[in-house]
PDB file of N, CA and C in Angstrom:
ATOM      1  N   MET A   1     113.195 105.343  83.379  1.00  0.00           N
ATOM      2  CA  MET A   1     112.646 105.101  82.406  1.00  0.00           C
ATOM      3  C   MET A   1     111.504 105.414  82.308  1.00  0.00           C
ATOM      4  N   SER A   2     110.951 105.859  81.194  1.00  0.00           N
ATOM      5  CA  SER A   2     109.439 106.426  80.665  1.00  0.00           C
ATOM      6  C   SER A   2     108.827 105.076  80.408  1.00  0.00           C
ATOM      7  N   LYS A   3     107.506 105.360  80.980  1.00  0.00           N
ATOM      8  CA  LYS A   3     106.391 104.151  80.926  1.00  0.00           C
ATOM      9  C   LYS A   3     104.976 104.803  80.616  1.00  0.00           C
ATOM     10  N   LEU A   4     104.365 104.704  80.126  1.00  0.00           N
ATOM     11  CA  LEU A   4     102.695 105.106  79.848  1.00  0.00           C
ATOM     12  C   LEU A   4     101.805 104.634  81.250  1.00  0.00           C
ATOM     13  N   ILE A   5     101.292 105.612  81.519  1.00  0.00           N
ATOM     14  CA  ILE A   5     100.164 105.863  82.705  1.00  0.00           C
ATOM     15  C   ILE A   5      99.017 106.140  82.542  1.00  0.00           C
ATOM     16  N   THR A   6      97.956 105.957  83.216  1.00  0.00           N
ATOM     17  CA  THR A   6      96.930 107.112  82.761  1.00  0.00           C
ATOM     18  C   THR A   6      96.980 108.190  83.583  1.00  0.00           C
ATOM     19  N   LEU A   7      95.889 109.036  82.703  1.00  0.00           N
ATOM     20  CA  LEU A   7      95.618 110.479  83.090  1.00  0.00           C
ATOM     21  C   LEU A   7      94.869 110.710  84.360  1.00  0.00           C
ATOM     22  N   LYS A   8      94.215 109.479  84.752  1.00  0.00           N
ATOM     23  CA  LYS A   8      93.659 109.360  86.148  1.00  0.00           C
ATOM     24  C   LYS A   8      94.796 109.101  87.172  1.00  0.00           C
ATOM     25  N   ASP A   9      95.779 108.524  86.851  1.00  0.00           N
ATOM     26  CA  ASP A   9      97.099 108.786  87.693  1.00  0.00           C
ATOM     27  C   ASP A   9      97.531 109.743  88.221  1.00  0.00           C
ATOM     28  N   VAL A  10      97.491 110.410  86.975  1.00  0.00           N
ATOM     29  CA  VAL A  10      98.790 111.777  87.367  1.00  0.00           C
ATOM     30  C   VAL A  10      97.564 112.681  88.203  1.00  0.00           C
ATOM     31  N   LEU A  11      96.110 112.938  87.755  1.00  0.00           N
ATOM     32  CA  LEU A  11      95.043 113.679  88.483  1.00  0.00           C
ATOM     33  C   LEU A  11      95.070 113.486  89.867  1.00  0.00           C
ATOM     34  N   GLY A  12      95.226 111.787  90.128  1.00  0.00           N
ATOM     35  CA  GLY A  12      94.985 111.659  91.269  1.00  0.00           C
ATOM     36  C   GLY A  12      96.218 111.611  92.288  1.00  0.00           C
ATOM     37  N   ASP A  13      97.078 111.709  92.065  1.00  0.00           N
ATOM     38  CA  ASP A  13      98.343 112.185  92.800  1.00  0.00           C
ATOM     39  C   ASP A  13      99.456 112.947  92.201  1.00  0.00           C
ATOM     40  N   PRO A  14      98.975 114.111  91.568  1.00  0.00           N
ATOM     41  CA  PRO A  14     100.122 114.949  91.063  1.00  0.00           C
ATOM     42  C   PRO A  14     101.255 115.516  91.724  1.00  0.00           C
ATOM     43  N   HIS A  15     101.078 115.302  93.056  1.00  0.00           N
ATOM     44  CA  HIS A  15     102.748 115.617  93.962  1.00  0.00           C
ATOM     45  C   HIS A  15     103.496 114.384  93.944  1.00  0.00           C
ATOM     46  N   ASN A  16     103.299 113.447  93.333  1.00  0.00           N
ATOM     47  CA  ASN A  16     103.803 112.407  93.207  1.00  0.00           C
ATOM     48  C   ASN A  16     105.165 112.394  92.172  1.00  0.00           C
ATOM     49  N   TYR A  17     105.156 113.468  91.470  1.00  0.00           N
ATOM     50  CA  TYR A  17     105.965 113.778  90.313  1.00  0.00           C
ATOM     51  C   TYR A  17     106.546 115.061  90.763  1.00  0.00           C
ATOM     52  N   SER A  18     107.743 114.979  90.232  1.00  0.00           N
ATOM     53  CA  SER A  18     108.573 116.826  90.375  1.00  0.00           C
ATOM     54  C   SER A  18     107.855 117.953  89.817  1.00  0.00           C
ATOM     55  N   TRP A  19     107.982 118.944  90.177  1.00  0.00           N
ATOM     56  CA  TRP A  19     107.496 120.179  89.345  1.00  0.00           C
ATOM     57  C   TRP A  19     107.886 120.309  88.511  1.00  0.00           C
ATOM     58  N   ALA A  20     109.275 120.063  88.045  1.00  0.00           N
ATOM     59  CA  ALA A  20     109.998 119.805  86.614  1.00  0.00           C
ATOM     60  C   ALA A  20     109.657 119.263  85.652  1.00  0.00           C
ATOM     61  N   ASP A  21     108.755 117.885  86.095  1.00  0.00           N
ATOM     62  CA  ASP A  21     108.064 117.335  85.056  1.00  0.00           C
ATOM     63  C   ASP A  21     107.137 117.603  84.089  1.00  0.00           C
ATOM     64  N   SER A  22     106.771 117.146  83.100  1.00  0.00           N
ATOM     65  CA  SER A  22     105.929 117.664  82.475  1.00  0.00           C
ATOM     66  C   SER A  22     104.499 116.517  81.825  1.00  0.00           C
ATOM     67  N   LEU A  23     103.553 116.687  81.703  1.00  0.00           N
ATOM     68  CA  LEU A  23     102.834 116.090  81.112  1.00  0.00           C
ATOM     69  C   LEU A  23     102.454 115.636  79.795  1.00  0.00           C
ATOM     70  N   PHE A  24     102.803 114.829  79.267  1.00  0.00           N
ATOM     71  CA  PHE A  24     102.264 114.080  77.603  1.00  0.00           C
ATOM     72  C   PHE A  24     101.199 113.631  77.503  1.00  0.00           C
ATOM     73  N   LEU A  25     100.094 113.960  76.267  1.00  0.00           N
ATOM     74  CA  LEU A  25      99.036 113.192  76.405  1.00  0.00           C
ATOM     75  C   LEU A  25      98.611 112.995  74.564  1.00  0.00           C
ATOM     76  N   PRO A  26      97.938 112.278  74.235  1.00  0.00           N
ATOM     77  CA  PRO A  26      97.843 111.497  72.714  1.00  0.00           C
ATOM     78  C   PRO A  26      97.522 112.764  72.407  1.00  0.00           C
ATOM     79  N   GLU A  27      97.799 113.280  71.036  1.00  0.00           N
ATOM     80  CA  GLU A  27      97.966 114.455  69.961  1.00  0.00           C
ATOM     81  C   GLU A  27      96.229 114.635  69.593  1.00  0.00           C
ATOM     82  N   ASN A  28      95.812 113.661  69.726  1.00  0.00           N
ATOM     83  CA  ASN A  28      94.488 113.948  69.006  1.00  0.00           C
ATOM     84  C   ASN A  28      93.393 114.729  69.695  1.00  0.00           C
ATOM     85  N   GLU A  29      93.818 114.761  71.334  1.00  0.00           N
ATOM     86  CA  GLU A  29      93.575 115.848  72.362  1.00  0.00           C
ATOM     87  C   GLU A  29      91.483 115.376  72.872  1.00  0.00           C
ATOM     88  N   ASP A  30      91.792 113.772  72.309  1.00  0.00           N
ATOM     89  CA  ASP A  30      90.293 113.023  72.577  1.00  0.00           C
ATOM     90  C   ASP A  30      90.530 112.558  74.164  1.00  0.00           C
ATOM     91  N   TRP A  31      90.716 113.301  75.255  1.00  0.00           N
ATOM     92  CA  TRP A  31      91.119 112.977  76.338  1.00  0.00           C
ATOM     93  C   TRP A  31      90.091 112.599  77.311  1.00  0.00           C
ATOM     94  N   ASN A  32      90.537 111.557  78.140  1.00  0.00           N
ATOM     95  CA  ASN A  32      89.270 111.027  79.057  1.00  0.00           C
ATOM     96  C   ASN A  32      90.591 110.504  80.408  1.00  0.00           C
ATOM     97  N   LEU A  33      89.873 110.156  81.655  1.00  0.00           N
ATOM     98  CA  LEU A  33      90.633 109.807  82.564  1.00  0.00           C
ATOM     99  C   LEU A  33      91.581 108.352  82.274  1.00  0.00           C
ATOM    100  N   ASP A  34      91.211 107.689  81.231  1.00  0.00           N
ATOM    101  CA  ASP A  34      92.027 106.278  80.900  1.00  0.00           C
ATOM    102  C   ASP A  34      92.790 106.675  79.900  1.00  0.00           C
ATOM    103  N   SER A  35      92.804 107.831  79.414  1.00  0.00           N
ATOM    104  CA  SER A  35      94.204 108.401  78.363  1.00  0.00           C
ATOM    105  C   SER A  35      95.370 108.138  78.632  1.00  0.00           C
ATOM    106  N   PRO A  36      96.278 107.317  78.281  1.00  0.00           N
ATOM    107  CA  PRO A  36      97.465 106.774  77.863  1.00  0.00           C
ATOM    108  C   PRO A  36      98.067 108.567  78.143  1.00  0.00           C
ATOM    109  N   SER A  37      99.212 108.279  79.045  1.00  0.00           N
ATOM    110  CA  SER A  37      99.773 109.385  79.340  1.00  0.00           C
ATOM    111  C   SER A  37     101.438 109.149  79.606  1.00  0.00           C
ATOM    112  N   ALA A  38     102.215 110.046  79.818  1.00  0.00           N
ATOM    113  CA  ALA A  38     103.552 109.735  80.323  1.00  0.00           C
ATOM    114  C   ALA A  38     104.078 111.120  80.876  1.00  0.00           C
ATOM    115  N   ILE A  39     104.741 110.996  81.868  1.00  0.00           N
ATOM    116  CA  ILE A  39     105.495 111.951  82.565  1.00  0.00           C
ATOM    117  C   ILE A  39     107.023 112.078  82.336  1.00  0.00           C
ATOM    118  N   LEU A  40     107.642 113.241  81.648  1.00  0.00           N
ATOM    119  CA  LEU A  40     108.548 113.220  81.077  1.00  0.00           C
ATOM    120  C   LEU A  40     109.237 114.364  81.645  1.00  0.00           C
ATOM    121  N   ASN A  41     110.354 114.628  81.777  1.00  0.00           N
ATOM    122  CA  ASN A  41     111.522 116.010  81.939  1.00  0.00           C
ATOM    123  C   ASN A  41     111.976 116.442  80.482  1.00  0.00           C
ATOM    124  N   LEU A  42     111.384 117.647  80.298  1.00  0.00           N
ATOM    125  CA  LEU A  42     111.915 118.503  78.959  1.00  0.00           C
ATOM    126  C   LEU A  42     113.602 118.907  79.602  1.00  0.00           C
ATOM    127  N   ASP A  43     113.664 118.759  80.488  1.00  0.00           N
ATOM    128  CA  ASP A  43     115.249 119.098  80.582  1.00  0.00           C
ATOM    129  C   ASP A  43     116.434 117.764  80.214  1.00  0.00           C
ATOM    130  N   ASP A  44     115.549 116.681  79.967  1.00  0.00           N
ATOM    131  CA  ASP A  44     116.105 115.614  79.974  1.00  0.00           C
ATOM    132  C   ASP A  44     116.553 115.391  78.106  1.00  0.00           C
ATOM    133  N   LEU A  45     115.999 116.529  77.412  1.00  0.00           N
ATOM    134  CA  LEU A  45     116.321 116.426  75.991  1.00  0.00           C
ATOM    135  C   LEU A  45     117.409 116.775  75.581  1.00  0.00           C
ATOM    136  N   GLU A  46     118.075 116.098  74.274  1.00  0.00           N
ATOM    137  CA  GLU A  46     119.013 116.463  73.739  1.00  0.00           C
ATOM    138  C   GLU A  46     119.043 117.736  73.053  1.00  0.00           C
ATOM    139  N   TYR A  47     120.171 118.510  73.106  1.00  0.00           N
ATOM    140  CA  TYR A  47     120.464 119.630  72.026  1.00  0.00           C
ATOM    141  C   TYR A  47     119.501 119.735  70.687  1.00  0.00           C
ATOM    142  N   ASP A  48     119.338 118.960  70.345  1.00  0.00           N
ATOM    143  CA  ASP A  48     119.176 118.777  68.708  1.00  0.00           C
ATOM    144  C   ASP A  48     117.357 118.161  68.653  1.00  0.00           C
ATOM    145  N   GLU A  49     117.038 118.038  69.977  1.00  0.00           N
ATOM    146  CA  GLU A  49     115.797 117.279  70.147  1.00  0.00           C
ATOM    147  C   GLU A  49     114.699 118.274  70.361  1.00  0.00           C
ATOM    148  N   GLU A  50     113.812 118.042  69.941  1.00  0.00           N
ATOM    149  CA  GLU A  50     112.442 119.282  70.031  1.00  0.00           C
ATOM    150  C   GLU A  50     111.630 118.236  71.107  1.00  0.00           C
ATOM    151  N   ALA A  51     111.259 117.033  70.999  1.00  0.00           N
ATOM    152  CA  ALA A  51     110.132 116.304  71.892  1.00  0.00           C
ATOM    153  C   ALA A  51     111.007 114.959  72.244  1.00  0.00           C
ATOM    154  N   PRO A  52     110.598 114.494  73.632  1.00  0.00           N
ATOM    155  CA  PRO A  52     111.619 113.434  73.924  1.00  0.00           C
ATOM    156  C   PRO A  52     111.134 112.410  72.883  1.00  0.00           C
ATOM    157  N   GLN A  53     111.997 111.303  72.601  1.00  0.00           N
ATOM    158  CA  GLN A  53     111.719 110.250  71.700  1.00  0.00           C
ATOM    159  C   GLN A  53     110.386 109.413  72.256  1.00  0.00           C
ATOM    160  N   PHE A  54     110.189 108.996  73.734  1.00  0.00           N
ATOM    161  CA  PHE A  54     109.349 108.297  73.927  1.00  0.00           C
ATOM    162  C   PHE A  54     108.028 108.783  73.588  1.00  0.00           C
ATOM    163  N   ALA A  55     107.689 110.173  73.843  1.00  0.00           N
ATOM    164  CA  ALA A  55     106.521 110.755  73.445  1.00  0.00           C
ATOM    165  C   ALA A  55     106.339 110.813  71.886  1.00  0.00           C
ATOM    166  N   ILE A  56     107.518 111.066  71.028  1.00  0.00           N
ATOM    167  CA  ILE A  56     107.048 110.561  69.527  1.00  0.00           C
ATOM    168  C   ILE A  56     106.766 109.212  69.178  1.00  0.00           C
ATOM    169  N   GLU A  57     107.450 108.130  69.714  1.00  0.00           N
ATOM    170  CA  GLU A  57     107.020 107.077  69.707  1.00  0.00           C
ATOM    171  C   GLU A  57     105.620 106.546  69.934  1.00  0.00           C
ATOM    172  N   ASN A  58     105.205 107.535  70.851  1.00  0.00           N
ATOM    173  CA  ASN A  58     103.847 107.246  71.339  1.00  0.00           C
ATOM    174  C   ASN A  58     102.812 107.955  71.022  1.00  0.00           C
ATOM    175  N   GLY A  59     102.698 108.966  69.784  1.00  0.00           N
ATOM    176  CA  GLY A  59     101.703 109.916  69.239  1.00  0.00           C
ATOM    177  C   GLY A  59     101.222 110.623  70.670  1.00  0.00           C
ATOM    178  N   LEU A  60     102.639 111.299  71.553  1.00  0.00           N
ATOM    179  CA  LEU A  60     101.774 112.266  72.742  1.00  0.00           C
ATOM    180  C   LEU A  60     102.879 113.264  72.405  1.00  0.00           C
ATOM    181  N   ILE A  61     101.849 114.491  72.729  1.00  0.00           N
ATOM    182  CA  ILE A  61     102.200 115.851  72.802  1.00  0.00           C
ATOM    183  C   ILE A  61     102.396 116.457  74.161  1.00  0.00           C
ATOM    184  N   HIS A  62     103.394 117.176  74.277  1.00  0.00           N
ATOM    185  CA  HIS A  62     103.751 118.147  75.703  1.00  0.00           C
ATOM    186  C   HIS A  62     102.134 119.007  76.134  1.00  0.00           C
ATOM    187  N   VAL A  63     101.659 118.853  76.802  1.00  0.00           N
ATOM    188  CA  VAL A  63     100.068 119.510  77.306  1.00  0.00           C
ATOM    189  C   VAL A  63     100.492 120.536  78.506  1.00  0.00           C
ATOM    190  N   LEU A  64     100.972 120.172  79.793  1.00  0.00           N
ATOM    191  CA  LEU A  64     101.268 120.808  80.673  1.00  0.00           C
ATOM    192  C   LEU A  64     102.332 120.761  81.533  1.00  0.00           C
ATOM    193  N   ASN A  65     102.884 121.359  82.555  1.00  0.00           N
ATOM    194  CA  ASN A  65     104.056 121.069  83.283  1.00  0.00           C
ATOM    195  C   ASN A  65     103.391 120.707  84.504  1.00  0.00           C
ATOM    196  N   ILE A  66     103.797 119.393  85.247  1.00  0.00           N
ATOM    197  CA  ILE A  66     103.226 119.195  86.184  1.00  0.00           C
ATOM    198  C   ILE A  66     103.123 120.015  87.522  1.00  0.00           C
ATOM    199  N   SER A  67     103.694 121.147  87.522  1.00  0.00           N
ATOM    200  CA  SER A  67     103.596 122.358  88.367  1.00  0.00           C
ATOM    201  C   SER A  67     101.989 122.974  88.629  1.00  0.00           C
ATOM    202  N   ASP A  68     101.775 123.071  87.015  1.00  0.00           N
ATOM    203  CA  ASP A  68     100.455 123.325  86.855  1.00  0.00           C
ATOM    204  C   ASP A  68      99.333 122.510  86.798  1.00  0.00           C
ATOM    205  N   ILE A  69      99.497 121.331  86.757  1.00  0.00           N
ATOM    206  CA  ILE A  69      98.432 120.435  87.092  1.00  0.00           C
ATOM    207  C   ILE A  69      98.555 120.073  88.623  1.00  0.00           C
ATOM    208  N   GLN A  70      99.595 120.136  89.412  1.00  0.00           N
ATOM    209  CA  GLN A  70      99.494 120.294  90.668  1.00  0.00           C
ATOM    210  C   GLN A  70      98.492 121.749  91.329  1.00  0.00           C
ATOM    211  N   ASP A  71      98.715 122.832  90.502  1.00  0.00           N
ATOM    212  CA  ASP A  71      98.073 123.715  90.894  1.00  0.00           C
ATOM    213  C   ASP A  71      96.946 123.784  90.814  1.00  0.00           C
ATOM    214  N   VAL A  72      96.383 122.988  89.438  1.00  0.00           N
ATOM    215  CA  VAL A  72      94.924 122.781  89.086  1.00  0.00           C
ATOM    216  C   VAL A  72      93.789 121.861  90.278  1.00  0.00           C
ATOM    217  N   VAL A  73      94.738 120.773  90.451  1.00  0.00           N
ATOM    218  CA  VAL A  73      94.141 120.050  91.566  1.00  0.00           C
ATOM    219  C   VAL A  73      94.432 120.581  93.088  1.00  0.00           C
ATOM    220  N   SER A  74      94.870 121.271  93.129  1.00  0.00           N
ATOM    221  CA  SER A  74      95.077 122.224  94.703  1.00  0.00           C
ATOM    222  C   SER A  74      93.804 122.955  94.526  1.00  0.00           C
ATOM    223  N   ASN A  75      93.687 123.930  93.803  1.00  0.00           N
ATOM    224  CA  ASN A  75      92.813 124.598  93.476  1.00  0.00           C
ATOM    225  C   ASN A  75      91.241 123.966  93.455  1.00  0.00           C
ATOM    226  N   ALA A  76      91.127 122.914  92.656  1.00  0.00           N
ATOM    227  CA  ALA A  76      89.877 122.412  92.840  1.00  0.00           C
ATOM    228  C   ALA A  76      89.685 121.578  94.244  1.00  0.00           C
ATOM    229  N   ALA A  77      90.484 121.005  94.767  1.00  0.00           N
ATOM    230  CA  ALA A  77      90.712 120.649  96.340  1.00  0.00           C
ATOM    231  C   ALA A  77      89.841 121.486  97.472  1.00  0.00           C
ATOM    232  N   GLN A  78      90.362 122.859  97.000  1.00  0.00           N
ATOM    233  CA  GLN A  78      90.101 123.762  97.687  1.00  0.00           C
ATOM    234  C   GLN A  78      88.501 124.173  97.690  1.00  0.00           C
ATOM    235  N   GLN A  79      88.265 124.181  96.354  1.00  0.00           N
ATOM    236  CA  GLN A  79      86.760 124.651  96.391  1.00  0.00           C
ATOM    237  C   GLN A  79      85.815 123.410  96.659  1.00  0.00           C
ATOM    238  N   ARG A  80      86.255 122.117  96.609  1.00  0.00           N
ATOM    239  CA  ARG A  80      85.317 121.384  97.085  1.00  0.00           C
ATOM    240  C   ARG A  80      86.414 120.678  97.696  1.00  0.00           C
ATOM    241  N   ALA A  81      85.438 120.258  99.193  1.00  0.00           N
ATOM    242  CA  ALA A  81      85.943 119.007  99.617  1.00  0.00           C
ATOM    243  C   ALA A  81      86.072 117.540  99.086  1.00  0.00           C
ATOM    244  N   ASP A  82      85.175 117.251  98.871  1.00  0.00           N
ATOM    245  CA  ASP A  82      84.882 115.929  98.555  1.00  0.00           C
ATOM    246  C   ASP A  82      84.566 116.288  96.723  1.00  0.00           C
ATOM    247  N   CYS A  83      85.718 116.566  96.272  1.00  0.00           N
ATOM    248  CA  CYS A  83      86.166 116.784  95.042  1.00  0.00           C
ATOM    249  C   CYS A  83      86.794 115.269  94.603  1.00  0.00           C
ATOM    250  N   ASN A  84      86.009 114.891  93.210  1.00  0.00           N
ATOM    251  CA  ASN A  84      86.516 113.500  92.650  1.00  0.00           C
ATOM    252  C   ASN A  84      87.398 113.630  91.603  1.00  0.00           C
ATOM    253  N   LEU A  85      87.522 112.137  90.946  1.00  0.00           N
ATOM    254  CA  LEU A  85      88.492 112.458  89.902  1.00  0.00           C
ATOM    255  C   LEU A  85      87.772 113.016  88.481  1.00  0.00           C
ATOM    256  N   ASN A  86      86.652 113.135  88.495  1.00  0.00           N
ATOM    257  CA  ASN A  86      85.804 113.470  87.363  1.00  0.00           C
ATOM    258  C   ASN A  86      85.761 115.281  87.459  1.00  0.00           C
ATOM    259  N   ASP A  87      85.517 115.683  88.734  1.00  0.00           N
ATOM    260  CA  ASP A  87      85.932 117.118  89.007  1.00  0.00           C
ATOM    261  C   ASP A  87      87.120 117.414  88.306  1.00  0.00           C
ATOM    262  N   LEU A  88      88.339 116.684  88.889  1.00  0.00           N
ATOM    263  CA  LEU A  88      89.629 117.044  88.363  1.00  0.00           C
ATOM    264  C   LEU A  88      89.800 117.196  87.105  1.00  0.00           C
ATOM    265  N   PHE A  89      89.193 115.899  86.527  1.00  0.00           N
ATOM    266  CA  PHE A  89      89.535 115.949  85.069  1.00  0.00           C
ATOM    267  C   PHE A  89      88.532 117.171  83.927  1.00  0.00           C
ATOM    268  N   ASN A  90      87.534 117.586  84.892  1.00  0.00           N
ATOM    269  CA  ASN A  90      86.901 118.869  84.328  1.00  0.00           C
ATOM    270  C   ASN A  90      87.654 120.003  84.295  1.00  0.00           C
ATOM    271  N   ALA A  91      88.349 120.329  85.801  1.00  0.00           N
ATOM    272  CA  ALA A  91      89.306 121.338  86.351  1.00  0.00           C
ATOM    273  C   ALA A  91      90.366 121.531  85.098  1.00  0.00           C
ATOM    274  N   PHE A  92      91.046 120.204  84.744  1.00  0.00           N
ATOM    275  CA  PHE A  92      92.123 120.093  83.755  1.00  0.00           C
ATOM    276  C   PHE A  92      91.967 120.573  82.555  1.00  0.00           C
ATOM    277  N   ILE A  93      90.914 120.083  82.308  1.00  0.00           N
ATOM    278  CA  ILE A  93      90.447 120.374  80.872  1.00  0.00           C
ATOM    279  C   ILE A  93      90.264 121.768  80.878  1.00  0.00           C
ATOM    280  N   PHE A  94      89.622 122.368  81.633  1.00  0.00           N
ATOM    281  CA  PHE A  94      89.004 123.984  81.669  1.00  0.00           C
ATOM    282  C   PHE A  94      90.664 124.753  81.528  1.00  0.00           C
ATOM    283  N   TYR A  95      91.482 124.326  82.562  1.00  0.00           N
ATOM    284  CA  TYR A  95      92.561 125.120  82.421  1.00  0.00           C
ATOM    285  C   TYR A  95      93.186 124.809  81.151  1.00  0.00           C
ATOM    286  N   TYR A  96      93.199 124.003  80.611  1.00  0.00           N
ATOM    287  CA  TYR A  96      94.074 123.452  79.464  1.00  0.00           C
ATOM    288  C   TYR A  96      93.769 124.766  78.400  1.00  0.00           C
ATOM    289  N   ARG A  97      92.159 124.568  78.280  1.00  0.00           N
ATOM    290  CA  ARG A  97      91.581 125.462  76.972  1.00  0.00           C
ATOM    291  C   ARG A  97      91.571 126.850  77.561  1.00  0.00           C
ATOM    292  N   HIS A  98      91.641 127.103  78.786  1.00  0.00           N
ATOM    293  CA  HIS A  98      91.260 128.585  79.137  1.00  0.00           C
ATOM    294  C   HIS A  98      92.477 129.425  79.810  1.00  0.00           C
ATOM    295  N   ASP A  99      93.199 128.499  80.171  1.00  0.00           N
ATOM    296  CA  ASP A  99      94.731 129.191  80.752  1.00  0.00           C
ATOM    297  C   ASP A  99      94.335 129.838  82.356  1.00  0.00           C
ATOM    298  N   ALA A 100      92.799 129.099  83.031  1.00  0.00           N
ATOM    299  CA  ALA A 100      92.491 129.745  84.260  1.00  0.00           C
ATOM    300  C   ALA A 100      91.646 128.459  84.813  1.00  0.00           C
ATOM    301  N   PHE A 101      92.048 128.549  86.251  1.00  0.00           N
ATOM    302  CA  PHE A 101      91.048 127.967  86.965  1.00  0.00           C
ATOM    303  C   PHE A 101      89.899 127.677  86.817  1.00  0.00           C
ATOM    304  N   ILE A 102      88.834 126.469  86.870  1.00  0.00           N
ATOM    305  CA  ILE A 102      87.560 126.620  86.948  1.00  0.00           C
ATOM    306  C   ILE A 102      86.967 126.991  88.064  1.00  0.00           C
ATOM    307  N   SER A 103      85.715 127.601  88.234  1.00  0.00           N
ATOM    308  CA  SER A 103      85.207 127.782  89.395  1.00  0.00           C
ATOM    309  C   SER A 103      83.994 126.837  89.442  1.00  0.00           C
ATOM    310  N   PHE A 104      84.020 126.209  90.448  1.00  0.00           N
ATOM    311  CA  PHE A 104      82.782 125.131  90.652  1.00  0.00           C
ATOM    312  C   PHE A 104      81.552 125.535  91.053  1.00  0.00           C
ATOM    313  N   VAL A 105      81.685 127.100  91.407  1.00  0.00           N
ATOM    314  CA  VAL A 105      80.205 127.836  92.194  1.00  0.00           C
ATOM    315  C   VAL A 105      79.198 127.956  91.171  1.00  0.00           C
TER     316      VAL A 105
END
């Protein structure tokens, strides 16, 4: 069953989700740690669906695959042992905009 969670829930423990899942966030892209999000599996789409119905009903767009988010969080943690949620959010936004890992140095 699909439900809304916060982006901080996802970034705080991305390994809680399957690598096959995807992150959906509000289409306005004015995101923060408290933004509503959904974890949905695109493999569950019907043949004629372009996006999950739950995402459409909640104004959410596909942002990244969970496997990418897991990599972003792992990379940030490797760079900063004391990595906090704000660091993870900045790393996530950087990756989304540049398709590259952030450098905290």
